C-alpha atoms as a PDB file:
ATOM      1  CA  PRO A   1      39.366 -78.382  18.144  1.00  0.00           C
ATOM      2  CA  PHE A   2      41.625 -81.388  16.993  1.00  0.00           C
ATOM      3  CA  SER A   3      41.985 -83.104  13.698  1.00  0.00           C
ATOM      4  CA  THR A   4      42.467 -87.228  15.159  1.00  0.00           C
ATOM      5  CA  LEU A   5      41.551 -89.359  17.136  1.00  0.00           C
ATOM      6  CA  GLU A   6      44.648 -89.276  19.596  1.00  0.00           C
ATOM      7  CA  GLU A   7      44.260 -85.270  19.670  1.00  0.00           C
ATOM      8  CA  GLY A   8      41.468 -85.626  21.473  1.00  0.00           C
ATOM      9  CA  PHE A   9      42.275 -88.689  23.717  1.00  0.00           C
ATOM     10  CA  ILE A  10      44.897 -86.070  24.726  1.00  0.00           C
ATOM     11  CA  GLN A  11      42.714 -83.471  25.078  1.00  0.00           C
ATOM     12  CA  PHE A  12      40.310 -85.564  27.152  1.00  0.00           C
ATOM     13  CA  ALA A  13      43.626 -86.762  29.536  1.00  0.00           C
ATOM     14  CA  GLN A  14      44.606 -83.159  30.020  1.00  0.00           C
ATOM     15  CA  LEU A  15      40.773 -82.659  30.967  1.00  0.00           C
ATOM     16  CA  GLY A  16      41.439 -85.086  33.754  1.00  0.00           C
ATOM     17  CA  MET A  17      39.275 -88.155  32.565  1.00  0.00           C
ATOM     18  CA  ARG A  18      40.960 -90.974  33.908  1.00  0.00           C
ATOM     19  CA  PRO A  19      40.650 -95.339  33.121  1.00  0.00           C
ATOM     20  CA  ILE A  20      37.448 -95.248  35.263  1.00  0.00           C
ATOM     21  CA  HIS A  21      35.790 -92.795  33.480  1.00  0.00           C
ATOM     22  CA  TRP A  22      36.514 -94.232  30.158  1.00  0.00           C
ATOM     23  CA  LYS A  23      34.682 -97.681  32.037  1.00  0.00           C
ATOM     24  CA  GLU A  24      31.922 -95.552  32.528  1.00  0.00           C
ATOM     25  CA  ALA A  25      31.794 -94.270  28.849  1.00  0.00           C
ATOM     26  CA  ARG A  26      31.472 -97.385  27.682  1.00  0.00           C
ATOM     27  CA  VAL A  27      29.060 -98.367  29.867  1.00  0.00           C
ATOM     28  CA  ILE A  28      26.849 -95.811  28.811  1.00  0.00           C
ATOM     29  CA  PHE A  29      27.817 -96.487  24.958  1.00  0.00           C
ATOM     30  CA  LEU A  30      26.715 -99.799  24.906  1.00  0.00           C
ATOM     31  CA  VAL A  31      23.345 -98.677  27.285  1.00  0.00           C
ATOM     32  CA  VAL A  32      22.482 -95.990  24.325  1.00  0.00           C
ATOM     33  CA  MET A  33      23.959 -98.526  22.102  1.00  0.00           C
ATOM     34  CA  LYS A  34      20.687-100.917  22.943  1.00  0.00           C
ATOM     35  CA  ASP A  35      17.998 -98.678  24.366  1.00  0.00           C
ATOM     36  CA  VAL A  36      17.783 -95.510  23.177  1.00  0.00           C
ATOM     37  CA  ASN A  37      18.808 -96.216  19.130  1.00  0.00           C
ATOM     38  CA  PRO A  38      15.568 -96.339  17.566  1.00  0.00           C
ATOM     39  CA  TYR A  39      17.338 -97.536  14.413  1.00  0.00           C
ATOM     40  CA  ILE A  40      18.591-100.825  16.206  1.00  0.00           C
ATOM     41  CA  GLU A  41      17.536-103.980  14.361  1.00  0.00           C
ATOM     42  CA  GLU A  42      16.826-107.065  16.662  1.00  0.00           C
ATOM     43  CA  ASN A  43      19.959-109.058  15.268  1.00  0.00           C
ATOM     44  CA  ASP A  44      21.604-106.038  16.907  1.00  0.00           C
ATOM     45  CA  LEU A  45      20.123-106.332  20.017  1.00  0.00           C
ATOM     46  CA  ASP A  46      20.745-110.224  20.160  1.00  0.00           C
ATOM     47  CA  LEU A  47      25.127-108.976  19.565  1.00  0.00           C
ATOM     48  CA  LEU A  48      25.145-106.361  21.629  1.00  0.00           C
ATOM     49  CA  ALA A  49      22.904-108.799  24.751  1.00  0.00           C
ATOM     50  CA  LEU A  50      27.011-110.822  24.755  1.00  0.00           C
ATOM     51  CA  GLY A  51      28.078-108.227  26.711  1.00  0.00           C
ATOM     52  CA  THR A  52      31.700-108.027  27.251  1.00  0.00           C
ATOM     53  CA  LYS A  53      31.718-110.789  23.734  1.00  0.00           C
ATOM     54  CA  SER A  54      29.850-108.103  22.038  1.00  0.00           C
ATOM     55  CA  CYS A  55      31.602-106.646  19.136  1.00  0.00           C
ATOM     56  CA  VAL A  56      30.771-103.187  19.952  1.00  0.00           C
ATOM     57  CA  TYR A  57      32.120-103.555  23.525  1.00  0.00           C
ATOM     58  CA  ARG A  58      35.513-105.199  21.943  1.00  0.00           C
ATOM     59  CA  PHE A  59      35.585-102.570  19.599  1.00  0.00           C
ATOM     60  CA  TRP A  60      35.333 -99.538  22.175  1.00  0.00           C
ATOM     61  CA  THR A  61      37.572-101.260  23.909  1.00  0.00           C
ATOM     62  CA  GLN A  62      40.163-101.671  21.364  1.00  0.00           C
ATOM     63  CA  HIS A  63      39.535 -98.667  19.343  1.00  0.00           C
ATOM     64  CA  VAL A  64      38.362 -95.989  21.903  1.00  0.00           C
ATOM     65  CA  MET A  65      39.628 -97.228  24.903  1.00  0.00           C
ATOM     66  CA  LYS A  66      42.986 -98.151  24.425  1.00  0.00           C
ATOM     67  CA  PRO A  67      44.378 -94.839  22.752  1.00  0.00           C
ATOM     68  CA  ALA A  68      42.473 -92.852  25.425  1.00  0.00           C
ATOM     69  CA  LEU A  69      44.511 -95.172  28.335  1.00  0.00           C
ATOM     70  CA  LEU A  70      47.964 -94.278  26.639  1.00  0.00           C
ATOM     71  CA  ALA A  71      47.052 -90.711  26.310  1.00  0.00           C
ATOM     72  CA  ILE A  72      46.367 -90.853  29.563  1.00  0.00           C
ATOM     73  CA  ARG A  73      49.522 -93.011  30.277  1.00  0.00           C
ATOM     74  CA  ASP A  74      51.861 -90.239  28.128  1.00  0.00           C
ATOM     75  CA  MET A  75      50.180 -87.482  29.694  1.00  0.00           C
ATOM     76  CA  ASP A  76      51.444 -88.954  33.838  1.00  0.00           C
ATOM     77  CA  ASP A  77      54.946 -90.086  32.317  1.00  0.00           C
ATOM     78  CA  ILE A  78      55.352 -86.624  32.079  1.00  0.00           C
ATOM     79  CA  PHE A  79      56.311 -86.449  35.426  1.00  0.00           C
ATOM     80  CA  ASP A  80      58.407 -89.515  35.071  1.00  0.00           C
ATOM     81  CA  SER A  81      60.447 -87.844  32.877  1.00  0.00           C
ATOM     82  CA  ASP A  82      64.195 -86.788  34.379  1.00  0.00           C
ATOM     83  CA  GLU A  83      64.701 -85.051  30.891  1.00  0.00           C
ATOM     84  CA  ASN A  84      61.626 -83.339  32.068  1.00  0.00           C
ATOM     85  CA  ARG A  85      62.866 -82.940  35.424  1.00  0.00           C
ATOM     86  CA  ASP A  86      66.028 -81.259  34.434  1.00  0.00           C
ATOM     87  CA  THR A  87      63.500 -78.698  32.200  1.00  0.00           C
ATOM     88  CA  VAL A  88      61.581 -77.652  35.133  1.00  0.00           C
ATOM     89  CA  ILE A  89      64.910 -77.356  37.159  1.00  0.00           C
ATOM     90  CA  LYS A  90      66.984 -75.376  34.148  1.00  0.00           C
ATOM     91  CA  SER A  91      63.748 -72.973  33.824  1.00  0.00           C
ATOM     92  CA  PHE A  92      63.465 -72.851  38.152  1.00  0.00           C
ATOM     93  CA  GLU A  93      67.255 -71.804  38.092  1.00  0.00           C
ATOM     94  CA  PRO A  94      66.777 -67.935  36.810  1.00  0.00           C
ATOM     95  CA  LEU A  95      63.770 -67.255  39.059  1.00  0.00           C
ATOM     96  CA  ALA A  96      65.337 -68.426  42.284  1.00  0.00           C
ATOM     97  CA  THR A  97      68.247 -66.517  42.380  1.00  0.00           C
ATOM     98  CA  ASP A  98      66.301 -63.694  43.742  1.00  0.00           C
ATOM     99  CA  LYS A  99      62.378 -65.636  45.269  1.00  0.00           C
ATOM    100  CA  HIS A 100      61.178 -62.701  46.431  1.00  0.00           C
ATOM    101  CA  ARG A 101      61.969 -60.102  43.908  1.00  0.00           C
ATOM    102  CA  SER A 102      60.425 -63.076  41.618  1.00  0.00           C
ATOM    103  CA  GLY A 103      57.086 -63.807  43.845  1.00  0.00           C
ATOM    104  CA  LEU A 104      56.651 -59.651  43.892  1.00  0.00           C
ATOM    105  CA  SER A 105      57.025 -59.858  40.222  1.00  0.00           C
ATOM    106  CA  PHE A 106      54.651 -62.302  39.456  1.00  0.00           C
ATOM    107  CA  TYR A 107      51.920 -60.930  41.883  1.00  0.00           C
ATOM    108  CA  ARG A 108      51.992 -57.730  39.969  1.00  0.00           C
ATOM    109  CA  LYS A 109      51.826 -58.710  36.982  1.00  0.00           C
ATOM    110  CA  MET A 110      48.878 -61.389  37.777  1.00  0.00           C
ATOM    111  CA  PHE A 111      47.012 -58.474  40.195  1.00  0.00           C
ATOM    112  CA  HIS A 112      47.584 -56.197  36.775  1.00  0.00           C
ATOM    113  CA  LEU A 113      46.060 -58.833  34.821  1.00  0.00           C
ATOM    114  CA  HIS A 114      43.714 -60.399  36.680  1.00  0.00           C
ATOM    115  CA  PRO A 115      42.098 -57.089  39.768  1.00  0.00           C
ATOM    116  CA  GLU A 116      39.670 -59.601  39.815  1.00  0.00           C
ATOM    117  CA  VAL A 117      41.602 -61.768  42.260  1.00  0.00           C
ATOM    118  CA  ILE A 118      42.680 -59.324  44.361  1.00  0.00           C
ATOM    119  CA  PRO A 119      39.996 -59.847  47.231  1.00  0.00           C
ATOM    120  CA  TYR A 120      41.064 -63.089  47.689  1.00  0.00           C
ATOM    121  CA  PHE A 121      44.821 -61.913  49.130  1.00  0.00           C
ATOM    122  CA  GLY A 122      42.938 -59.721  51.451  1.00  0.00           C
ATOM    123  CA  THR A 123      45.746 -58.425  53.768  1.00  0.00           C
ATOM    124  CA  THR A 124      47.953 -60.989  53.607  1.00  0.00           C
ATOM    125  CA  ASP A 125      51.642 -59.101  53.786  1.00  0.00           C
ATOM    126  CA  MET A 126      52.663 -59.940  49.839  1.00  0.00           C
ATOM    127  CA  ASP A 127      56.373 -59.424  51.030  1.00  0.00           C
ATOM    128  CA  PHE A 128      56.213 -62.251  53.336  1.00  0.00           C
ATOM    129  CA  PHE A 129      54.185 -64.176  50.474  1.00  0.00           C
ATOM    130  CA  ALA A 130      55.863 -63.168  47.662  1.00  0.00           C
ATOM    131  CA  GLY A 131      59.164 -65.531  48.753  1.00  0.00           C
ATOM    132  CA  HIS A 132      56.960 -68.496  49.452  1.00  0.00           C
ATOM    133  CA  LEU A 133      55.247 -69.018  46.186  1.00  0.00           C
ATOM    134  CA  PHE A 134      59.014 -69.959  45.014  1.00  0.00           C
ATOM    135  CA  GLU A 135      59.840 -71.645  47.737  1.00  0.00           C
ATOM    136  CA  ALA A 136      56.297 -74.086  46.839  1.00  0.00           C
ATOM    137  CA  ILE A 137      57.964 -73.975  43.072  1.00  0.00           C
ATOM    138  CA  GLU A 138      60.651 -75.219  44.222  1.00  0.00           C
ATOM    139  CA  LEU A 139      59.630 -77.883  46.167  1.00  0.00           C
ATOM    140  CA  LEU A 140      57.679 -79.511  43.823  1.00  0.00           C
ATOM    141  CA  ALA A 141      61.101 -79.035  41.472  1.00  0.00           C
ATOM    142  CA  ASN A 142      62.617 -80.919  43.262  1.00  0.00           C
ATOM    143  CA  ILE A 143      60.516 -83.722  44.264  1.00  0.00           C
ATOM    144  CA  MET A 144      59.581 -84.768  40.839  1.00  0.00           C
ATOM    145  CA  PRO A 145      58.976 -87.207  39.816  1.00  0.00           C
ATOM    146  CA  ASN A 146      57.921 -88.592  43.256  1.00  0.00           C
ATOM    147  CA  PHE A 147      54.594 -85.904  43.884  1.00  0.00           C
ATOM    148  CA  GLU A 148      53.354 -88.844  46.382  1.00  0.00           C
ATOM    149  CA  LYS A 149      56.472 -87.439  48.848  1.00  0.00           C
ATOM    150  CA  ALA A 150      54.553 -83.917  48.689  1.00  0.00           C
ATOM    151  CA  VAL A 151      51.552 -85.332  49.356  1.00  0.00           C
ATOM    152  CA  PRO A 152      51.076 -84.585  53.251  1.00  0.00           C
ATOM    153  CA  ILE A 153      53.022 -80.707  52.511  1.00  0.00           C
ATOM    154  CA  LEU A 154      50.459 -79.848  49.866  1.00  0.00           C
ATOM    155  CA  HIS A 155      47.315 -81.073  52.290  1.00  0.00           C
ATOM    156  CA  HIS A 156      49.178 -78.825  54.539  1.00  0.00           C
ATOM    157  CA  LEU A 157      49.778 -76.296  52.523  1.00  0.00           C
ATOM    158  CA  GLY A 158      45.718 -76.329  51.353  1.00  0.00           C
ATOM    159  CA  LYS A 159      44.768 -75.943  54.979  1.00  0.00           C
ATOM    160  CA  ILE A 160      46.882 -72.983  55.965  1.00  0.00           C
ATOM    161  CA  HIS A 161      45.398 -71.804  52.803  1.00  0.00           C
ATOM    162  CA  ASP A 162      42.068 -72.896  53.894  1.00  0.00           C
ATOM    163  CA  ARG A 163      41.971 -71.027  56.932  1.00  0.00           C
ATOM    164  CA  ALA A 164      43.176 -68.035  54.564  1.00  0.00           C
END
């Protein structure tokens, strides 16, 4: 739940709503207003027929889409901030001193809290795997804010894990 529209837009952005989704929502909203609303009057239909010049379209664009797109931008900008990058790296430093031990600790805790995931790991050599977890986290921390650099590496990791 949220208290303000801005909080709601932030939640939608966190759930993955992107500009294309908001554009589609605007289209759906206009169609519903025109075709499904049983209380719509004839003069309102004439106004909706104005399409992008209608007050409903302009209202949606200005008072719904604009703050929604700002929430998306603000959320996406988290990866562009040097301050956030430094925080991620600084948070990672204590774990990086012994990646293997940190990885083993992470997996022990995860398996304890969520034993249902154990079958996904099958016969994986956890000693080997534990160090790789924090190597991957270190990679992500070091490539912030340019995640595009990581796409080929992440695709490769995805293929490896898909075979597992």
